[in-house]
Protein backbone atom coordinates (compact mmCIF):
# COMPACT_ATOMS: atom_id res chain seq x y z
CA MET A 1 12.67 76.94 35.34
CA ILE A 2 15.55 78.61 33.70
CA SER A 3 14.85 78.52 29.77
CA PRO A 4 17.74 77.26 27.56
CA ILE A 5 17.07 79.87 25.35
CA LYS A 6 19.31 82.71 25.52
CA ASN A 7 19.43 84.73 22.34
CA VAL A 8 16.78 84.95 19.22
CA ASP A 9 17.58 85.67 15.53
CA ILE A 10 14.79 87.50 14.00
CA PHE A 11 14.68 87.71 9.83
CA CYS A 12 12.19 90.08 8.12
CA THR A 13 11.55 91.50 4.71
CA VAL A 14 9.70 95.04 5.01
CA ILE A 15 6.53 95.26 2.92
CA ASP A 16 5.26 98.56 2.03
CA ASN A 17 2.39 97.69 4.54
CA PHE A 18 4.67 97.85 7.58
CA GLY A 19 2.87 95.03 8.71
CA ASP A 20 5.80 92.49 8.86
CA ILE A 21 8.00 94.87 10.03
CA GLY A 22 5.65 95.83 12.86
CA VAL A 23 4.97 92.53 13.68
CA CYS A 24 8.92 91.71 14.29
CA TRP A 25 9.62 94.85 16.16
CA ARG A 26 7.19 94.66 18.73
CA LEU A 27 8.11 90.94 18.83
CA ALA A 28 11.94 91.46 19.23
CA GLN A 29 10.91 94.46 21.69
CA GLN A 30 9.15 91.82 24.13
CA LEU A 31 11.46 89.00 24.09
CA GLN A 32 13.94 91.58 24.94
CA ALA A 33 12.27 93.34 27.73
CA GLU A 34 10.47 90.39 29.14
CA TYR A 35 12.22 87.54 28.74
CA GLY A 36 15.66 89.33 28.96
CA LEU A 37 17.00 87.58 25.85
CA THR A 38 20.02 89.04 23.43
CA VAL A 39 17.99 89.86 20.15
CA ARG A 40 19.50 90.56 16.72
CA LEU A 41 16.89 91.81 14.26
CA TRP A 42 17.54 91.49 10.50
CA VAL A 43 15.98 93.74 8.37
CA ASP A 44 16.21 94.72 4.61
CA ASP A 45 15.08 98.20 4.67
CA LEU A 46 15.99 100.25 7.21
CA ALA A 47 14.38 103.55 5.69
CA SER A 48 11.02 101.96 5.90
CA PHE A 49 11.91 100.67 9.29
CA ALA A 50 12.77 103.99 10.41
CA LYS A 51 9.51 105.25 9.96
CA LEU A 52 8.26 103.03 13.01
CA GLU A 53 11.74 103.62 14.87
CA PRO A 54 12.57 107.47 14.32
CA THR A 55 15.67 106.53 16.72
CA LEU A 56 17.57 104.16 14.05
CA ASN A 57 20.43 105.37 11.87
CA THR A 58 19.56 104.34 8.39
CA GLN A 59 23.55 104.71 7.45
CA LEU A 60 24.62 102.18 9.61
CA ALA A 61 24.91 97.94 9.02
CA GLN A 62 24.97 97.25 12.59
CA GLN A 63 23.34 99.45 15.61
CA VAL A 64 21.76 98.75 19.24
CA CYS A 65 18.43 100.54 19.36
CA GLN A 66 15.73 99.81 22.35
CA LYS A 67 18.47 97.49 23.42
CA ILE A 68 18.06 95.38 20.43
CA ASP A 69 20.98 94.70 17.68
CA ILE A 70 19.74 95.87 14.65
CA CYS A 71 21.45 94.48 11.33
CA TYR A 72 20.99 95.20 7.69
CA TRP A 73 19.90 92.20 5.73
CA SER A 74 21.35 93.08 2.48
CA LYS A 75 20.35 89.84 0.42
CA SER A 76 23.27 89.93 -2.21
CA ASP A 77 26.32 90.66 0.17
CA PHE A 78 25.44 88.29 3.53
CA VAL A 79 27.98 87.73 5.73
CA ALA A 80 28.45 84.11 6.08
CA SER A 81 30.89 84.14 8.67
CA ILE A 82 28.02 85.24 10.99
CA GLN A 83 27.13 82.31 13.82
CA PRO A 84 23.46 81.79 14.37
CA TYR A 85 21.75 82.52 18.31
CA ASP A 86 19.61 79.74 19.84
CA VAL A 87 16.57 80.36 18.00
CA VAL A 88 16.13 81.71 14.67
CA ILE A 89 12.67 83.01 13.60
CA GLU A 90 11.98 83.86 10.00
CA GLY A 91 9.32 86.11 9.77
CA PHE A 92 6.24 85.50 7.38
CA GLY A 93 8.18 83.12 4.96
CA CYS A 94 11.13 85.19 4.19
CA ARG A 95 13.69 83.14 2.98
CA LEU A 96 16.50 82.81 4.96
CA PRO A 97 20.25 83.38 3.30
CA ASP A 98 21.98 79.98 2.10
CA SER A 99 24.91 80.70 4.34
CA PHE A 100 23.13 81.07 7.23
CA LEU A 101 21.29 77.91 6.74
CA GLN A 102 24.54 76.20 6.36
CA ALA A 103 25.64 77.74 9.61
CA MET A 104 22.82 76.87 11.36
CA ALA A 105 23.35 73.12 10.19
CA GLN A 106 26.79 73.36 11.26
CA GLN A 107 26.29 73.93 15.06
CA THR A 108 25.64 71.28 18.06
CA PRO A 109 23.08 71.62 18.72
CA PRO A 110 21.37 73.24 15.67
CA PRO A 111 19.42 76.33 16.38
CA VAL A 112 15.34 75.90 17.35
CA TRP A 113 14.07 77.20 13.36
CA LEU A 114 10.87 78.97 13.18
CA ASN A 115 8.66 80.42 10.59
CA LEU A 116 6.05 82.77 12.02
CA GLU A 117 3.16 82.77 10.19
CA TYR A 118 0.63 85.63 9.24
CA LEU A 119 -2.59 85.28 11.84
CA SER A 120 -5.60 83.72 10.58
CA ALA A 121 -8.48 82.30 12.09
CA GLU A 122 -8.91 79.23 9.74
CA SER A 123 -8.98 75.93 11.23
CA TRP A 124 -6.23 74.46 9.43
CA THR A 125 -4.11 77.05 11.25
CA LEU A 126 -4.94 74.72 14.18
CA ASP A 127 -3.88 71.43 12.46
CA CYS A 128 -0.78 73.31 11.13
CA HIS A 129 0.46 74.88 14.21
CA GLY A 130 3.97 73.14 15.64
CA LEU A 131 4.30 71.19 12.56
CA GLY A 132 8.22 70.42 11.39
CA SER A 133 9.22 70.45 7.87
CA ALA A 134 12.72 68.87 7.19
CA HIS A 135 15.37 71.02 5.06
CA PRO A 136 15.98 69.13 1.49
CA ASN A 137 19.45 69.02 2.12
CA LEU A 138 20.34 69.80 5.54
CA PRO A 139 19.79 68.42 8.83
CA LEU A 140 17.29 70.94 10.00
CA THR A 141 13.85 71.32 10.61
CA GLN A 142 11.53 74.10 10.15
CA TYR A 143 8.53 74.59 12.56
CA PHE A 144 5.60 76.41 11.79
CA PHE A 145 4.22 78.71 14.38
CA PHE A 146 0.97 80.31 13.77
CA PRO A 147 -0.41 83.14 16.05
CA SER A 148 -4.17 82.72 16.63
CA PHE A 149 -7.59 84.10 18.39
CA ASP A 150 -7.76 80.11 19.64
CA SER A 151 -6.20 79.19 23.00
CA ARG A 152 -4.82 75.75 20.55
CA GLY A 153 -2.72 78.22 18.46
CA GLY A 154 0.14 80.33 18.75
CA GLY A 155 -1.52 83.35 20.62
CA LEU A 156 -1.32 87.13 20.15
CA LEU A 157 1.38 89.63 20.85
CA ARG A 158 0.82 91.44 23.82
CA GLU A 159 2.87 93.20 26.02
CA GLN A 160 2.83 92.52 29.67
CA ASN A 161 1.41 95.71 30.94
CA LEU A 162 -0.46 96.89 27.92
CA LEU A 163 -3.84 95.96 28.95
CA GLN A 164 -2.93 97.87 32.27
CA GLN A 165 -1.84 101.02 30.03
CA ARG A 166 -4.79 101.03 28.49
CA ASP A 167 -6.86 101.26 31.71
CA ASP A 168 -4.55 103.67 32.95
CA PHE A 169 -4.80 106.19 29.61
CA LEU A 170 -9.05 105.65 29.65
CA GLN A 171 -9.56 106.57 32.92
CA ASN A 172 -6.94 109.75 32.96
CA PRO A 173 -8.69 112.67 31.00
CA GLN A 174 -5.96 114.55 31.36
CA ALA A 175 -3.46 112.04 29.43
CA GLN A 176 -6.15 111.96 26.54
CA HIS A 177 -5.79 115.60 26.26
CA ASN A 178 -2.39 115.76 26.39
CA PHE A 179 -2.46 112.94 23.56
CA TRP A 180 -4.76 114.81 21.35
CA HIS A 181 -3.04 118.22 22.15
CA SER A 182 -0.19 116.56 20.72
CA LEU A 183 -1.46 115.96 17.43
CA ASN A 184 -2.97 119.39 17.35
CA CYS A 185 -6.08 117.72 17.21
CA THR A 186 -7.98 119.18 20.58
CA GLN A 187 -11.42 119.52 18.16
CA ALA A 188 -11.70 115.45 19.23
CA LEU A 189 -12.12 116.47 22.63
CA SER A 190 -15.43 118.43 22.23
CA VAL A 191 -17.20 116.01 19.46
CA ASP A 192 -19.72 113.17 20.52
CA TYR A 193 -17.49 110.55 19.29
CA ARG A 194 -14.27 109.83 17.63
CA LEU A 195 -13.41 106.99 14.80
CA SER A 196 -9.79 106.20 13.44
CA LEU A 197 -9.71 105.22 10.01
CA PHE A 198 -6.59 103.02 8.81
CA ALA A 199 -7.41 101.12 5.78
CA TYR A 200 -6.33 100.16 2.19
CA GLU A 201 -8.02 101.79 -0.62
CA ASN A 202 -11.55 101.53 -0.02
CA GLN A 203 -14.21 102.79 -2.40
CA ALA A 204 -17.05 102.82 0.58
CA VAL A 205 -15.18 105.71 2.34
CA ALA A 206 -17.07 108.43 0.75
CA ALA A 207 -20.21 106.76 1.94
CA LEU A 208 -19.47 106.58 5.04
CA LEU A 209 -17.84 110.03 5.30
CA ILE A 210 -21.38 111.32 3.62
CA ALA A 211 -23.27 109.33 5.84
CA LEU A 212 -21.36 110.63 9.20
CA SER A 213 -21.64 113.92 7.79
CA GLN A 214 -25.51 114.19 7.66
CA GLN A 215 -26.23 112.88 11.31
CA GLN A 216 -27.04 114.91 14.00
CA LYS A 217 -24.11 113.65 16.42
CA THR A 218 -20.65 115.20 15.86
CA CYS A 219 -17.83 112.94 14.40
CA PHE A 220 -13.92 113.40 14.67
CA VAL A 221 -12.27 111.33 12.50
CA ALA A 222 -8.57 110.82 12.58
CA VAL A 223 -6.89 109.51 9.06
CA PRO A 224 -3.31 108.23 9.98
CA GLN A 225 -1.72 109.18 6.91
CA GLY A 226 -1.63 106.00 4.21
CA ARG A 227 -3.15 104.85 1.42
CA VAL A 228 -7.04 105.26 2.29
CA LEU A 229 -6.20 108.80 2.08
CA ALA A 230 -6.43 108.88 -1.67
CA ASN A 231 -10.12 107.83 -1.31
CA VAL A 232 -10.63 110.81 1.54
CA ASN A 233 -9.49 113.19 -1.07
CA THR A 234 -12.28 111.84 -3.30
CA TRP A 235 -14.95 112.66 -0.88
CA ALA A 236 -13.40 115.93 0.25
CA ASN A 237 -12.70 117.28 -3.69
CA THR A 238 -9.36 118.61 -2.63
CA ILE A 239 -5.77 117.32 -1.63
CA LEU A 240 -5.42 116.58 2.26
CA LYS A 241 -2.04 116.22 3.48
CA ALA A 242 -0.98 115.34 6.62
CA GLY A 243 -1.58 118.12 9.68
CA ASP A 244 -4.95 119.27 7.46
CA LYS A 245 -8.36 119.32 8.74
CA LEU A 246 -11.76 119.72 6.87
CA THR A 247 -15.41 120.21 8.53
CA VAL A 248 -18.31 119.02 6.47
CA GLY A 249 -21.63 118.83 8.28
CA ALA A 250 -21.25 117.15 11.39
CA VAL A 251 -18.04 115.27 10.69
CA THR A 252 -14.61 116.66 11.06
CA VAL A 253 -11.36 114.80 8.98
CA ALA A 254 -8.19 115.41 10.40
CA VAL A 255 -4.95 113.50 8.57
CA LEU A 256 -2.34 112.73 11.20
CA PRO A 257 1.20 112.30 10.44
CA PHE A 258 2.54 108.77 10.46
CA LEU A 259 2.60 107.68 14.25
CA SER A 260 4.92 105.69 16.48
CA PRO A 261 3.47 102.27 17.27
CA THR A 262 2.87 103.95 20.99
CA GLN A 263 1.11 106.82 19.42
CA TYR A 264 -0.96 104.29 17.25
CA ASP A 265 -1.69 102.45 20.49
CA GLN A 266 -3.26 105.42 22.23
CA LEU A 267 -5.15 106.25 19.08
CA LEU A 268 -7.30 103.26 19.24
CA TRP A 269 -7.61 103.77 22.99
CA ALA A 270 -8.79 107.02 22.47
CA CYS A 271 -11.14 106.41 19.67
CA ASP A 272 -14.84 105.05 19.97
CA ILE A 273 -14.46 103.17 16.82
CA ASN A 274 -11.49 101.54 15.24
CA MET A 275 -11.29 101.02 11.57
CA VAL A 276 -8.19 99.06 10.82
CA ARG A 277 -6.07 96.90 8.48
CA GLY A 278 -3.91 94.02 7.89
CA GLU A 279 -2.58 92.13 10.84
CA ASP A 280 -0.68 94.56 13.22
CA SER A 281 -3.13 97.18 13.73
CA LEU A 282 -5.84 94.55 13.92
CA ILE A 283 -4.36 92.85 16.88
CA ARG A 284 -3.91 96.24 18.74
CA ALA A 285 -7.12 97.40 17.61
CA HIS A 286 -8.54 94.07 19.89
CA TRP A 287 -6.69 95.07 22.82
CA ALA A 288 -8.37 98.25 22.90
CA GLY A 289 -11.49 96.93 23.54
CA LYS A 290 -13.63 99.30 21.36
CA PRO A 291 -15.81 98.19 18.15
CA LEU A 292 -13.65 97.74 15.21
CA LEU A 293 -13.80 97.30 11.46
CA TRP A 294 -10.96 95.35 9.62
CA HIS A 295 -10.02 96.04 6.15
CA ILE A 296 -8.34 92.74 5.41
CA TYR A 297 -5.71 92.58 2.96
CA PRO A 298 -7.35 91.79 -0.59
CA GLN A 299 -6.09 88.94 -2.29
CA GLU A 300 -6.40 86.92 -5.58
CA GLU A 301 -9.41 84.56 -6.16
CA GLN A 302 -11.07 86.45 -3.19
CA ALA A 303 -8.93 84.26 -0.80
CA HIS A 304 -9.29 86.90 1.65
CA LEU A 305 -12.86 86.36 2.18
CA ASP A 306 -12.20 83.13 3.51
CA LYS A 307 -9.95 84.45 6.22
CA LEU A 308 -12.76 86.91 6.74
CA GLU A 309 -15.62 84.78 7.78
CA ALA A 310 -13.00 82.53 9.67
CA TRP A 311 -12.45 85.75 11.98
CA LEU A 312 -16.20 86.58 12.05
CA GLY A 313 -16.87 82.79 13.13
CA VAL A 314 -14.47 83.22 16.48
CA SER A 315 -16.16 86.15 16.58
CA SER A 316 -19.81 85.50 16.19
CA ASN A 317 -20.18 85.16 20.23
CA PHE A 318 -19.55 88.89 20.81
CA MET A 319 -20.43 90.75 17.82
CA SER A 320 -24.10 91.17 16.87
CA PRO A 321 -25.23 89.89 13.12
CA GLU A 322 -25.69 93.58 12.45
CA TRP A 323 -22.21 94.66 13.25
CA GLN A 324 -20.79 91.52 11.05
CA ASN A 325 -22.92 93.00 8.25
CA LEU A 326 -21.30 96.04 8.60
CA GLN A 327 -17.96 94.25 8.25
CA ARG A 328 -18.79 92.57 5.28
CA ALA A 329 -19.90 95.53 3.82
CA TRP A 330 -16.86 97.40 4.77
CA VAL A 331 -14.75 94.74 3.25
CA SER A 332 -16.77 94.69 0.04
CA GLU A 333 -16.55 98.46 -0.14
CA SER A 334 -20.43 99.07 -0.28
CA THR A 335 -21.10 102.44 -1.54
CA ASN A 336 -24.42 102.27 0.11
CA VAL A 337 -24.89 105.65 2.19
CA ALA A 338 -28.04 104.57 4.11
CA LEU A 339 -26.26 101.59 5.57
CA TRP A 340 -23.67 103.50 6.97
CA ALA A 341 -25.88 105.76 8.49
CA THR A 342 -26.58 102.81 10.63
CA LEU A 343 -23.01 102.76 12.14
CA LEU A 344 -23.74 104.92 15.22
CA THR A 345 -26.81 102.92 16.37
CA GLN A 346 -25.12 99.56 15.82
CA PHE A 347 -22.09 101.37 17.55
CA SER A 348 -23.61 101.33 21.19
CA GLN A 349 -24.59 97.86 20.85
CA ALA A 350 -21.18 96.52 19.77
CA LYS A 351 -19.38 98.46 22.70
CA PRO A 352 -19.66 96.12 25.57
CA GLN A 353 -19.74 93.11 22.86
CA HIS A 354 -15.94 94.13 21.90
CA THR A 355 -14.98 95.07 25.20
CA LEU A 356 -15.93 91.32 26.29
CA PHE A 357 -14.04 89.89 23.33
CA SER A 358 -10.93 91.87 24.33
CA GLU A 359 -10.97 90.30 27.60
CA PHE A 360 -11.77 87.09 26.43
CA LEU A 361 -8.25 87.29 24.31
CA GLY A 362 -6.54 88.57 27.04
CA GLN A 363 -7.04 85.57 29.43
CA GLN A 364 -5.34 83.51 26.90
CA GLU A 365 -1.38 83.21 27.05
CA THR A 366 0.66 85.75 24.67
CA LEU A 367 2.38 84.90 21.56
CA CYS A 368 5.61 85.41 23.22
CA HIS A 369 4.73 82.87 26.14
CA LYS A 370 3.89 80.22 24.06
CA LEU A 371 6.58 80.84 21.50
CA MET A 372 9.35 80.75 24.42
CA ALA A 373 7.59 77.42 25.93
CA PHE A 374 7.61 75.86 22.39
CA CYS A 375 11.31 76.55 21.48
CA ALA A 376 12.44 75.50 25.20
CA LYS A 377 10.80 72.05 24.44
CA LYS A 378 12.50 71.91 20.81
CA HIS A 379 15.64 72.76 22.44
CA ASP A 380 15.60 70.30 25.15
CA ALA A 381 14.59 67.38 22.61
CA ILE A 382 17.32 68.25 20.24
C-alpha cells in the first residue's frame, strides 16, 4: 500500500538538556531514510542543535543537512507565506506560529497535525493517545501522540538496523577497541567493568564513586560532558574538564567531550552499566540492553516520582526488586555509600534481565511505523 504522506514538517524548541532536539532530529532522520519523506525541521536554536550535528551551519536560515531541510524558526519574524506539508508535528507542545496555523487551515485537505508528547509509562497516556483536540478558532484538529513502552501506545524511536548494528559492535572486539581509542580512553579496555554516567546534578554521585573506588574490581567511569560533572568535581576535589582522567583506588573517571548521537549509542553499547537522564538517552539505553539507572528530570511537587514508579511498574517483570531499589535511590539522591557498594553484586543479576527487557521492547512496532500508520489513516479520513 502506497502511503498518502509525502512530506512532514517538524517544529522543535531546543531545551538546554538537548532531549527535545535529540528526539526530533532522530525522528526527522528516520522518516527521511526509512520512509523516503521530504522532511522540514524547524529549530529555534541552531547553535545548540549544532552540538548534536556539527555539520550544521549556524549562520544559514535554511540548509540541507543529512538530506533534511533545516530551517531556522524565528519566532519573532516567521515567514507567513510558507506552505505546510502533509503532516505537521509539534514537538512536545511547542506552540506553532499563528501564520502557519492559518496556512494549515486554508489547505484542502488540511495537514494531519500531531503533538508529539513526552514519553511516560503512566496509564493515562494510553487513554489519551490518538485523541483529538479541535482548535478554538480554526477548522483544525490536533492529535496527541504519546511514545510508549506499551504496545497500545505510540511506540519508541528505533532505527530499522539499530539492534543489528549494536550486535555487530558487541561481537567485534576491534570495533570496541577503535571506539575507546577514538576517545583516548584505552584504559577502559583493561578494567573489570565500565560505567557511563550521564545525569543531572545528583548528590548521590560522590557516594557512588567512593563505593566504586573502595571495591576490589576495577571500574572505568565515562562521564559525558554535562551537568553531573559538578558533582564529580566535588568528589574529586578538583576541576575536571573534557579530556581529563582521574584514578582513585579502583575507579578511573574520564570526562568525555560532547558526543555525537552515534558515539553516544556506542558508549552505551560499550559499557556494562549505563546511568542515563531525560528521555532520549533513556530510550537509547533500553536498546543497548545493558543494566541502566535512570535520572528522571525533576519536576515540581515531586511529579516525576509518579512517572518513575510507572516506569518501574512496566519494567517489573524484568528488573529485580533490589535493582528497582537502587533506581529509587539514584533518583532520591541517596548518599549511602554502603548502598552503592551493592551495585556490582546487583549488576550481575540485572544484566540478563535488562537484555530480556530490550528484546521485549524490540518486538514492538516502532514510533515511526505507528506514526506513519496513524497519519495515513487520518489523511484518508479527511
